[in-house]
Amino acid sequence: MCIRDRSTGVLREERELYMDLTPYMNGSSLSVHHTTRMTRVYDLFRRVGLRHLTIVNSTNTIVGIITRVDILPERCKELYDKKMQLRMSRRSARTASRRSQVLS
């Protein structure tokens, strides 16, 4: 008797099936840690022109994937711009602090 999982519709026997996809995989693909900030992910998509980006955990096991469609351009650009503005303001504050120390 074949028992089908109600939630997935998959037979128990089908769960044991295996297909080796190694020949079709790109071993040099980029990935990000699951705690990577969204601004960094957005930056990678923009600079490298990615279509997909895998997300891995601390044991380098894939826990997810992000595609271009998953990223809302308006929101990501807003976060990216805020981060860049913060960096620039920190740099100018450090520069001003150094100048005042030199003049003192």
PDB file of N, CA and C in Angstrom:
ATOM      1  N   MET A   1       0.840  -1.175   0.000  1.00  0.00           N
ATOM      2  CA  MET A   1       0.000   0.000   0.000  1.00  0.00           C
ATOM      3  C   MET A   1       0.891   1.247   0.000  1.00  0.00           C
ATOM      4  N   CYS A   2       0.610   2.174  -0.885  1.00  0.00           N
ATOM      5  CA  CYS A   2       1.372   3.414  -0.984  1.00  0.00           C
ATOM      6  C   CYS A   2       0.731   4.467  -0.095  1.00  0.00           C
ATOM      7  N   ILE A   3       1.554   5.065   0.748  1.00  0.00           N
ATOM      8  CA  ILE A   3       1.054   6.102   1.647  1.00  0.00           C
ATOM      9  C   ILE A   3       1.557   7.448   1.149  1.00  0.00           C
ATOM     10  N   ARG A   4       0.630   8.349   0.914  1.00  0.00           N
ATOM     11  CA  ARG A   4       0.953   9.680   0.406  1.00  0.00           C
ATOM     12  C   ARG A   4       0.853  10.687   1.555  1.00  0.00           C
ATOM     13  N   ASP A   5       1.859  11.544   1.668  1.00  0.00           N
ATOM     14  CA  ASP A   5       1.863  12.597   2.678  1.00  0.00           C
ATOM     15  C   ASP A   5       0.785  13.612   2.317  1.00  0.00           C
ATOM     16  N   ARG A   6      -0.113  13.883   3.237  1.00  0.00           N
ATOM     17  CA  ARG A   6      -1.232  14.791   2.948  1.00  0.00           C
ATOM     18  C   ARG A   6      -0.772  16.224   2.689  1.00  0.00           C
ATOM     19  N   SER A   7       0.247  16.666   3.398  1.00  0.00           N
ATOM     20  CA  SER A   7       0.663  18.061   3.254  1.00  0.00           C
ATOM     21  C   SER A   7       1.424  18.313   1.947  1.00  0.00           C
ATOM     22  N   THR A   8       2.218  17.341   1.490  1.00  0.00           N
ATOM     23  CA  THR A   8       3.022  17.550   0.279  1.00  0.00           C
ATOM     24  C   THR A   8       2.521  16.764  -0.917  1.00  0.00           C
ATOM     25  N   GLY A   9       1.762  15.722  -0.686  1.00  0.00           N
ATOM     26  CA  GLY A   9       1.295  14.887  -1.775  1.00  0.00           C
ATOM     27  C   GLY A   9       2.362  13.947  -2.314  1.00  0.00           C
ATOM     28  N   VAL A  10       3.458  13.766  -1.562  1.00  0.00           N
ATOM     29  CA  VAL A  10       4.579  12.928  -1.990  1.00  0.00           C
ATOM     30  C   VAL A  10       4.463  11.559  -1.336  1.00  0.00           C
ATOM     31  N   LEU A  11       4.684  10.528  -2.147  1.00  0.00           N
ATOM     32  CA  LEU A  11       4.680   9.167  -1.617  1.00  0.00           C
ATOM     33  C   LEU A  11       5.934   8.940  -0.777  1.00  0.00           C
ATOM     34  N   ARG A  12       5.824   8.081   0.229  1.00  0.00           N
ATOM     35  CA  ARG A  12       6.989   7.770   1.074  1.00  0.00           C
ATOM     36  C   ARG A  12       8.133   7.217   0.236  1.00  0.00           C
ATOM     37  N   GLU A  13       7.807   6.382  -0.749  1.00  0.00           N
ATOM     38  CA  GLU A  13       8.834   5.811  -1.612  1.00  0.00           C
ATOM     39  C   GLU A  13       9.537   6.890  -2.425  1.00  0.00           C
ATOM     40  N   GLU A  14       8.798   7.924  -2.815  1.00  0.00           N
ATOM     41  CA  GLU A  14       9.377   9.012  -3.611  1.00  0.00           C
ATOM     42  C   GLU A  14      10.374   9.830  -2.800  1.00  0.00           C
ATOM     43  N   ARG A  15      10.207   9.883  -1.484  1.00  0.00           N
ATOM     44  CA  ARG A  15      11.134  10.628  -0.635  1.00  0.00           C
ATOM     45  C   ARG A  15      12.534  10.030  -0.660  1.00  0.00           C
ATOM     46  N   GLU A  16      12.622   8.740  -0.942  1.00  0.00           N
ATOM     47  CA  GLU A  16      13.897   8.042  -0.950  1.00  0.00           C
ATOM     48  C   GLU A  16      14.635   8.184  -2.286  1.00  0.00           C
ATOM     49  N   LEU A  17      13.984   8.714  -3.304  1.00  0.00           N
ATOM     50  CA  LEU A  17      14.607   8.847  -4.624  1.00  0.00           C
ATOM     51  C   LEU A  17      15.716   9.893  -4.578  1.00  0.00           C
ATOM     52  N   TYR A  18      16.729   9.695  -5.411  1.00  0.00           N
ATOM     53  CA  TYR A  18      17.890  10.571  -5.416  1.00  0.00           C
ATOM     54  C   TYR A  18      18.314  10.842  -6.851  1.00  0.00           C
ATOM     55  N   MET A  19      18.660  12.070  -7.145  1.00  0.00           N
ATOM     56  CA  MET A  19      19.179  12.423  -8.459  1.00  0.00           C
ATOM     57  C   MET A  19      20.419  13.279  -8.267  1.00  0.00           C
ATOM     58  N   ASP A  20      21.520  12.879  -8.846  1.00  0.00           N
ATOM     59  CA  ASP A  20      22.778  13.612  -8.717  1.00  0.00           C
ATOM     60  C   ASP A  20      22.794  14.775  -9.699  1.00  0.00           C
ATOM     61  N   LEU A  21      22.738  15.998  -9.173  1.00  0.00           N
ATOM     62  CA  LEU A  21      22.735  17.198 -10.014  1.00  0.00           C
ATOM     63  C   LEU A  21      24.124  17.844 -10.084  1.00  0.00           C
ATOM     64  N   THR A  22      25.126  17.199  -9.518  1.00  0.00           N
ATOM     65  CA  THR A  22      26.480  17.741  -9.480  1.00  0.00           C
ATOM     66  C   THR A  22      26.996  18.167 -10.855  1.00  0.00           C
ATOM     67  N   PRO A  23      26.764  17.393 -11.922  1.00  0.00           N
ATOM     68  CA  PRO A  23      27.283  17.812 -13.227  1.00  0.00           C
ATOM     69  C   PRO A  23      26.695  19.141 -13.728  1.00  0.00           C
ATOM     70  N   TYR A  24      25.579  19.538 -13.182  1.00  0.00           N
ATOM     71  CA  TYR A  24      24.908  20.750 -13.636  1.00  0.00           C
ATOM     72  C   TYR A  24      25.112  21.935 -12.699  1.00  0.00           C
ATOM     73  N   MET A  25      25.862  21.730 -11.641  1.00  0.00           N
ATOM     74  CA  MET A  25      26.066  22.775 -10.628  1.00  0.00           C
ATOM     75  C   MET A  25      27.281  23.630 -10.956  1.00  0.00           C
ATOM     76  N   ASN A  26      27.217  24.874 -10.564  1.00  0.00           N
ATOM     77  CA  ASN A  26      28.346  25.783 -10.687  1.00  0.00           C
ATOM     78  C   ASN A  26      29.006  25.857  -9.317  1.00  0.00           C
ATOM     79  N   GLY A  27      30.163  25.267  -9.183  1.00  0.00           N
ATOM     80  CA  GLY A  27      30.852  25.219  -7.898  1.00  0.00           C
ATOM     81  C   GLY A  27      31.478  26.529  -7.477  1.00  0.00           C
ATOM     82  N   SER A  28      31.560  27.483  -8.386  1.00  0.00           N
ATOM     83  CA  SER A  28      32.203  28.756  -8.048  1.00  0.00           C
ATOM     84  C   SER A  28      31.200  29.880  -7.823  1.00  0.00           C
ATOM     85  N   SER A  29      29.985  29.528  -7.534  1.00  0.00           N
ATOM     86  CA  SER A  29      28.959  30.553  -7.351  1.00  0.00           C
ATOM     87  C   SER A  29      29.155  31.301  -6.033  1.00  0.00           C
ATOM     88  N   LEU A  30      28.640  32.508  -5.995  1.00  0.00           N
ATOM     89  CA  LEU A  30      28.712  33.326  -4.785  1.00  0.00           C
ATOM     90  C   LEU A  30      27.635  32.904  -3.799  1.00  0.00           C
ATOM     91  N   SER A  31      27.919  33.100  -2.535  1.00  0.00           N
ATOM     92  CA  SER A  31      26.922  32.862  -1.496  1.00  0.00           C
ATOM     93  C   SER A  31      27.147  33.870  -0.383  1.00  0.00           C
ATOM     94  N   VAL A  32      26.132  34.057   0.435  1.00  0.00           N
ATOM     95  CA  VAL A  32      26.231  34.958   1.582  1.00  0.00           C
ATOM     96  C   VAL A  32      25.761  34.223   2.828  1.00  0.00           C
ATOM     97  N   HIS A  33      26.291  34.639   3.955  1.00  0.00           N
ATOM     98  CA  HIS A  33      25.886  34.081   5.238  1.00  0.00           C
ATOM     99  C   HIS A  33      24.479  34.574   5.558  1.00  0.00           C
ATOM    100  N   HIS A  34      23.731  33.788   6.276  1.00  0.00           N
ATOM    101  CA  HIS A  34      22.325  34.150   6.547  1.00  0.00           C
ATOM    102  C   HIS A  34      22.180  35.408   7.390  1.00  0.00           C
ATOM    103  N   THR A  35      23.249  35.900   7.985  1.00  0.00           N
ATOM    104  CA  THR A  35      23.176  37.136   8.759  1.00  0.00           C
ATOM    105  C   THR A  35      23.672  38.353   7.976  1.00  0.00           C
ATOM    106  N   THR A  36      23.968  38.169   6.699  1.00  0.00           N
ATOM    107  CA  THR A  36      24.456  39.269   5.862  1.00  0.00           C
ATOM    108  C   THR A  36      23.395  40.349   5.742  1.00  0.00           C
ATOM    109  N   ARG A  37      23.832  41.582   5.845  1.00  0.00           N
ATOM    110  CA  ARG A  37      22.894  42.704   5.735  1.00  0.00           C
ATOM    111  C   ARG A  37      22.349  42.823   4.311  1.00  0.00           C
ATOM    112  N   MET A  38      21.122  43.297   4.220  1.00  0.00           N
ATOM    113  CA  MET A  38      20.466  43.424   2.929  1.00  0.00           C
ATOM    114  C   MET A  38      21.202  44.413   2.028  1.00  0.00           C
ATOM    115  N   THR A  39      21.823  45.414   2.596  1.00  0.00           N
ATOM    116  CA  THR A  39      22.567  46.373   1.788  1.00  0.00           C
ATOM    117  C   THR A  39      23.731  45.695   1.074  1.00  0.00           C
ATOM    118  N   ARG A  40      24.370  44.746   1.736  1.00  0.00           N
ATOM    119  CA  ARG A  40      25.467  43.990   1.116  1.00  0.00           C
ATOM    120  C   ARG A  40      24.927  43.110  -0.017  1.00  0.00           C
ATOM    121  N   VAL A  41      23.791  42.458   0.218  1.00  0.00           N
ATOM    122  CA  VAL A  41      23.167  41.618  -0.808  1.00  0.00           C
ATOM    123  C   VAL A  41      22.804  42.469  -2.016  1.00  0.00           C
ATOM    124  N   TYR A  42      22.198  43.613  -1.771  1.00  0.00           N
ATOM    125  CA  TYR A  42      21.810  44.524  -2.853  1.00  0.00           C
ATOM    126  C   TYR A  42      23.039  44.957  -3.631  1.00  0.00           C
ATOM    127  N   ASP A  43      24.104  45.274  -2.907  1.00  0.00           N
ATOM    128  CA  ASP A  43      25.355  45.700  -3.532  1.00  0.00           C
ATOM    129  C   ASP A  43      25.912  44.598  -4.438  1.00  0.00           C
ATOM    130  N   LEU A  44      25.885  43.357  -3.979  1.00  0.00           N
ATOM    131  CA  LEU A  44      26.352  42.235  -4.806  1.00  0.00           C
ATOM    132  C   LEU A  44      25.522  42.099  -6.079  1.00  0.00           C
ATOM    133  N   PHE A  45      24.210  42.181  -5.951  1.00  0.00           N
ATOM    134  CA  PHE A  45      23.355  42.081  -7.129  1.00  0.00           C
ATOM    135  C   PHE A  45      23.666  43.194  -8.118  1.00  0.00           C
ATOM    136  N   ARG A  46      23.876  44.402  -7.619  1.00  0.00           N
ATOM    137  CA  ARG A  46      24.145  45.543  -8.491  1.00  0.00           C
ATOM    138  C   ARG A  46      25.506  45.457  -9.161  1.00  0.00           C
ATOM    139  N   ARG A  47      26.536  45.190  -8.393  1.00  0.00           N
ATOM    140  CA  ARG A  47      27.903  45.227  -8.926  1.00  0.00           C
ATOM    141  C   ARG A  47      28.252  44.025  -9.784  1.00  0.00           C
ATOM    142  N   VAL A  48      27.792  42.840  -9.403  1.00  0.00           N
ATOM    143  CA  VAL A  48      28.172  41.617 -10.101  1.00  0.00           C
ATOM    144  C   VAL A  48      27.147  41.230 -11.165  1.00  0.00           C
ATOM    145  N   GLY A  49      25.953  41.783 -11.079  1.00  0.00           N
ATOM    146  CA  GLY A  49      24.908  41.451 -12.042  1.00  0.00           C
ATOM    147  C   GLY A  49      24.337  40.059 -11.830  1.00  0.00           C
ATOM    148  N   LEU A  50      24.151  39.694 -10.572  1.00  0.00           N
ATOM    149  CA  LEU A  50      23.665  38.350 -10.247  1.00  0.00           C
ATOM    150  C   LEU A  50      22.199  38.174 -10.603  1.00  0.00           C
ATOM    151  N   ARG A  51      21.819  36.938 -10.822  1.00  0.00           N
ATOM    152  CA  ARG A  51      20.419  36.569 -10.973  1.00  0.00           C
ATOM    153  C   ARG A  51      19.931  35.829  -9.738  1.00  0.00           C
ATOM    154  N   HIS A  52      20.847  35.067  -9.122  1.00  0.00           N
ATOM    155  CA  HIS A  52      20.529  34.278  -7.929  1.00  0.00           C
ATOM    156  C   HIS A  52      21.680  34.395  -6.948  1.00  0.00           C
ATOM    157  N   LEU A  53      21.371  34.276  -5.682  1.00  0.00           N
ATOM    158  CA  LEU A  53      22.396  34.301  -4.642  1.00  0.00           C
ATOM    159  C   LEU A  53      21.974  33.313  -3.555  1.00  0.00           C
ATOM    160  N   THR A  54      22.850  32.352  -3.272  1.00  0.00           N
ATOM    161  CA  THR A  54      22.507  31.371  -2.256  1.00  0.00           C
ATOM    162  C   THR A  54      22.822  31.911  -0.869  1.00  0.00           C
ATOM    163  N   ILE A  55      22.027  31.487   0.098  1.00  0.00           N
ATOM    164  CA  ILE A  55      22.204  31.880   1.491  1.00  0.00           C
ATOM    165  C   ILE A  55      22.630  30.632   2.247  1.00  0.00           C
ATOM    166  N   VAL A  56      23.731  30.749   3.003  1.00  0.00           N
ATOM    167  CA  VAL A  56      24.241  29.598   3.748  1.00  0.00           C
ATOM    168  C   VAL A  56      24.288  29.913   5.235  1.00  0.00           C
ATOM    169  N   ASN A  57      24.300  28.840   6.049  1.00  0.00           N
ATOM    170  CA  ASN A  57      24.412  29.020   7.499  1.00  0.00           C
ATOM    171  C   ASN A  57      25.874  28.846   7.918  1.00  0.00           C
ATOM    172  N   SER A  58      26.118  28.739   9.208  1.00  0.00           N
ATOM    173  CA  SER A  58      27.490  28.671   9.720  1.00  0.00           C
ATOM    174  C   SER A  58      28.209  27.383   9.329  1.00  0.00           C
ATOM    175  N   THR A  59      27.474  26.346   8.925  1.00  0.00           N
ATOM    176  CA  THR A  59      28.113  25.102   8.468  1.00  0.00           C
ATOM    177  C   THR A  59      28.178  25.043   6.946  1.00  0.00           C
ATOM    178  N   ASN A  60      27.920  26.178   6.302  1.00  0.00           N
ATOM    179  CA  ASN A  60      27.962  26.308   4.844  1.00  0.00           C
ATOM    180  C   ASN A  60      26.914  25.445   4.139  1.00  0.00           C
ATOM    181  N   THR A  61      25.826  25.185   4.831  1.00  0.00           N
ATOM    182  CA  THR A  61      24.700  24.463   4.247  1.00  0.00           C
ATOM    183  C   THR A  61      23.736  25.490   3.667  1.00  0.00           C
ATOM    184  N   ILE A  62      23.262  25.249   2.470  1.00  0.00           N
ATOM    185  CA  ILE A  62      22.334  26.191   1.842  1.00  0.00           C
ATOM    186  C   ILE A  62      21.019  26.200   2.610  1.00  0.00           C
ATOM    187  N   VAL A  63      20.611  27.403   3.019  1.00  0.00           N
ATOM    188  CA  VAL A  63      19.352  27.542   3.752  1.00  0.00           C
ATOM    189  C   VAL A  63      18.331  28.363   2.970  1.00  0.00           C
ATOM    190  N   GLY A  64      18.758  28.919   1.839  1.00  0.00           N
ATOM    191  CA  GLY A  64      17.834  29.706   1.044  1.00  0.00           C
ATOM    192  C   GLY A  64      18.486  30.238  -0.206  1.00  0.00           C
ATOM    193  N   ILE A  65      17.680  30.928  -0.998  1.00  0.00           N
ATOM    194  CA  ILE A  65      18.164  31.543  -2.222  1.00  0.00           C
ATOM    195  C   ILE A  65      17.411  32.847  -2.435  1.00  0.00           C
ATOM    196  N   ILE A  66      18.120  33.845  -2.903  1.00  0.00           N
ATOM    197  CA  ILE A  66      17.510  35.130  -3.217  1.00  0.00           C
ATOM    198  C   ILE A  66      17.655  35.332  -4.718  1.00  0.00           C
ATOM    199  N   THR A  67      16.589  35.776  -5.352  1.00  0.00           N
ATOM    200  CA  THR A  67      16.651  36.103  -6.770  1.00  0.00           C
ATOM    201  C   THR A  67      16.427  37.595  -6.943  1.00  0.00           C
ATOM    202  N   ARG A  68      16.695  38.081  -8.140  1.00  0.00           N
ATOM    203  CA  ARG A  68      16.461  39.500  -8.413  1.00  0.00           C
ATOM    204  C   ARG A  68      15.020  39.893  -8.115  1.00  0.00           C
ATOM    205  N   VAL A  69      14.103  38.998  -8.425  1.00  0.00           N
ATOM    206  CA  VAL A  69      12.683  39.285  -8.230  1.00  0.00           C
ATOM    207  C   VAL A  69      12.359  39.447  -6.750  1.00  0.00           C
ATOM    208  N   ASP A  70      13.104  38.753  -5.882  1.00  0.00           N
ATOM    209  CA  ASP A  70      12.830  38.820  -4.445  1.00  0.00           C
ATOM    210  C   ASP A  70      13.194  40.159  -3.822  1.00  0.00           C
ATOM    211  N   ILE A  71      14.037  40.897  -4.502  1.00  0.00           N
ATOM    212  CA  ILE A  71      14.498  42.171  -3.936  1.00  0.00           C
ATOM    213  C   ILE A  71      13.679  43.310  -4.529  1.00  0.00           C
ATOM    214  N   LEU A  72      13.023  44.027  -3.663  1.00  0.00           N
ATOM    215  CA  LEU A  72      12.257  45.190  -4.109  1.00  0.00           C
ATOM    216  C   LEU A  72      13.234  46.342  -4.326  1.00  0.00           C
ATOM    217  N   PRO A  73      13.396  46.787  -5.547  1.00  0.00           N
ATOM    218  CA  PRO A  73      14.410  47.808  -5.839  1.00  0.00           C
ATOM    219  C   PRO A  73      14.251  49.092  -5.031  1.00  0.00           C
ATOM    220  N   GLU A  74      13.033  49.544  -4.848  1.00  0.00           N
ATOM    221  CA  GLU A  74      12.835  50.811  -4.141  1.00  0.00           C
ATOM    222  C   GLU A  74      13.332  50.727  -2.696  1.00  0.00           C
ATOM    223  N   ARG A  75      12.954  49.669  -2.019  1.00  0.00           N
ATOM    224  CA  ARG A  75      13.323  49.503  -0.608  1.00  0.00           C
ATOM    225  C   ARG A  75      14.820  49.275  -0.454  1.00  0.00           C
ATOM    226  N   CYS A  76      15.372  48.425  -1.298  1.00  0.00           N
ATOM    227  CA  CYS A  76      16.806  48.128  -1.200  1.00  0.00           C
ATOM    228  C   CYS A  76      17.639  49.364  -1.526  1.00  0.00           C
ATOM    229  N   LYS A  77      17.227  50.123  -2.529  1.00  0.00           N
ATOM    230  CA  LYS A  77      17.968  51.339  -2.882  1.00  0.00           C
ATOM    231  C   LYS A  77      17.914  52.324  -1.729  1.00  0.00           C
ATOM    232  N   GLU A  78      16.767  52.428  -1.097  1.00  0.00           N
ATOM    233  CA  GLU A  78      16.615  53.327   0.043  1.00  0.00           C
ATOM    234  C   GLU A  78      17.582  52.937   1.168  1.00  0.00           C
ATOM    235  N   LEU A  79      17.641  51.635   1.491  1.00  0.00           N
ATOM    236  CA  LEU A  79      18.552  51.158   2.535  1.00  0.00           C
ATOM    237  C   LEU A  79      20.009  51.374   2.138  1.00  0.00           C
ATOM    238  N   TYR A  80      20.316  51.108   0.879  1.00  0.00           N
ATOM    239  CA  TYR A  80      21.677  51.265   0.381  1.00  0.00           C
ATOM    240  C   TYR A  80      22.099  52.730   0.468  1.00  0.00           C
ATOM    241  N   ASP A  81      21.232  53.636   0.023  1.00  0.00           N
ATOM    242  CA  ASP A  81      21.551  55.067   0.057  1.00  0.00           C
ATOM    243  C   ASP A  81      21.748  55.562   1.488  1.00  0.00           C
ATOM    244  N   LYS A  82      20.912  55.097   2.411  1.00  0.00           N
ATOM    245  CA  LYS A  82      21.067  55.488   3.818  1.00  0.00           C
ATOM    246  C   LYS A  82      22.405  55.019   4.368  1.00  0.00           C
ATOM    247  N   LYS A  83      22.791  53.810   4.020  1.00  0.00           N
ATOM    248  CA  LYS A  83      24.065  53.273   4.491  1.00  0.00           C
ATOM    249  C   LYS A  83      25.223  54.087   3.930  1.00  0.00           C
ATOM    250  N   MET A  84      25.159  54.432   2.658  1.00  0.00           N
ATOM    251  CA  MET A  84      26.225  55.216   2.045  1.00  0.00           C
ATOM    252  C   MET A  84      26.300  56.623   2.658  1.00  0.00           C
ATOM    253  N   GLN A  85      25.152  57.211   2.938  1.00  0.00           N
ATOM    254  CA  GLN A  85      25.130  58.525   3.578  1.00  0.00           C
ATOM    255  C   GLN A  85      25.740  58.459   4.971  1.00  0.00           C
ATOM    256  N   LEU A  86      25.425  57.406   5.713  1.00  0.00           N
ATOM    257  CA  LEU A  86      25.976  57.216   7.045  1.00  0.00           C
ATOM    258  C   LEU A  86      27.489  57.063   6.982  1.00  0.00           C
ATOM    259  N   ARG A  87      27.969  56.268   6.014  1.00  0.00           N
ATOM    260  CA  ARG A  87      29.418  56.099   5.846  1.00  0.00           C
ATOM    261  C   ARG A  87      30.094  57.429   5.545  1.00  0.00           C
ATOM    262  N   MET A  88      29.495  58.194   4.649  1.00  0.00           N
ATOM    263  CA  MET A  88      30.087  59.481   4.269  1.00  0.00           C
ATOM    264  C   MET A  88      30.097  60.447   5.451  1.00  0.00           C
ATOM    265  N   SER A  89      29.024  60.467   6.235  1.00  0.00           N
ATOM    266  CA  SER A  89      28.981  61.367   7.384  1.00  0.00           C
ATOM    267  C   SER A  89      29.994  60.941   8.443  1.00  0.00           C
ATOM    268  N   ARG A  90      30.191  59.634   8.626  1.00  0.00           N
ATOM    269  CA  ARG A  90      31.202  59.152   9.573  1.00  0.00           C
ATOM    270  C   ARG A  90      32.601  59.531   9.108  1.00  0.00           C
ATOM    271  N   ARG A  91      32.848  59.386   7.812  1.00  0.00           N
ATOM    272  CA  ARG A  91      34.165  59.750   7.266  1.00  0.00           C
ATOM    273  C   ARG A  91      34.436  61.237   7.448  1.00  0.00           C
ATOM    274  N   SER A  92      33.444  62.074   7.137  1.00  0.00           N
ATOM    275  CA  SER A  92      33.646  63.513   7.264  1.00  0.00           C
ATOM    276  C   SER A  92      33.802  63.911   8.735  1.00  0.00           C
ATOM    277  N   ALA A  93      33.111  63.214   9.640  1.00  0.00           N
ATOM    278  CA  ALA A  93      33.265  63.492  11.075  1.00  0.00           C
ATOM    279  C   ALA A  93      34.671  63.124  11.538  1.00  0.00           C
ATOM    280  N   ARG A  94      35.185  61.991  11.056  1.00  0.00           N
ATOM    281  CA  ARG A  94      36.555  61.583  11.420  1.00  0.00           C
ATOM    282  C   ARG A  94      37.576  62.563  10.868  1.00  0.00           C
ATOM    283  N   THR A  95      37.349  62.999   9.642  1.00  0.00           N
ATOM    284  CA  THR A  95      38.264  63.956   9.024  1.00  0.00           C
ATOM    285  C   THR A  95      38.252  65.274   9.783  1.00  0.00           C
ATOM    286  N   ALA A  96      37.070  65.741  10.166  1.00  0.00           N
ATOM    287  CA  ALA A  96      36.960  66.989  10.926  1.00  0.00           C
ATOM    288  C   ALA A  96      37.628  66.847  12.285  1.00  0.00           C
ATOM    289  N   SER A  97      37.481  65.699  12.917  1.00  0.00           N
ATOM    290  CA  SER A  97      38.104  65.448  14.215  1.00  0.00           C
ATOM    291  C   SER A  97      39.624  65.465  14.093  1.00  0.00           C
ATOM    292  N   ARG A  98      40.133  64.854  13.050  1.00  0.00           N
ATOM    293  CA  ARG A  98      41.587  64.840  12.835  1.00  0.00           C
ATOM    294  C   ARG A  98      42.123  66.245  12.572  1.00  0.00           C
ATOM    295  N   ARG A  99      41.387  67.012  11.798  1.00  0.00           N
ATOM    296  CA  ARG A  99      41.814  68.381  11.488  1.00  0.00           C
ATOM    297  C   ARG A  99      41.870  69.239  12.768  1.00  0.00           C
ATOM    298  N   SER A 100      40.841  69.062  13.611  1.00  0.00           N
ATOM    299  CA  SER A 100      40.823  69.857  14.856  1.00  0.00           C
ATOM    300  C   SER A 100      41.964  69.451  15.780  1.00  0.00           C
ATOM    301  N   GLN A 101      42.341  68.178  15.777  1.00  0.00           N
ATOM    302  CA  GLN A 101      43.467  67.732  16.603  1.00  0.00           C
ATOM    303  C   GLN A 101      44.773  68.300  16.089  1.00  0.00           C
ATOM    304  N   VAL A 102      44.905  68.394  14.772  1.00  0.00           N
ATOM    305  CA  VAL A 102      46.127  68.934  14.179  1.00  0.00           C
ATOM    306  C   VAL A 102      46.235  70.415  14.477  1.00  0.00           C
ATOM    307  N   LEU A 103      45.127  71.131  14.422  1.00  0.00           N
ATOM    308  CA  LEU A 103      45.130  72.578  14.657  1.00  0.00           C
ATOM    309  C   LEU A 103      45.317  72.915  16.124  1.00  0.00           C
ATOM    310  N   SER A 104      45.038  72.000  17.028  1.00  0.00           N
ATOM    311  CA  SER A 104      45.150  72.289  18.459  1.00  0.00           C
ATOM    312  C   SER A 104      46.565  72.295  18.946  1.00  0.00           C
TER     313      SER A 104
END
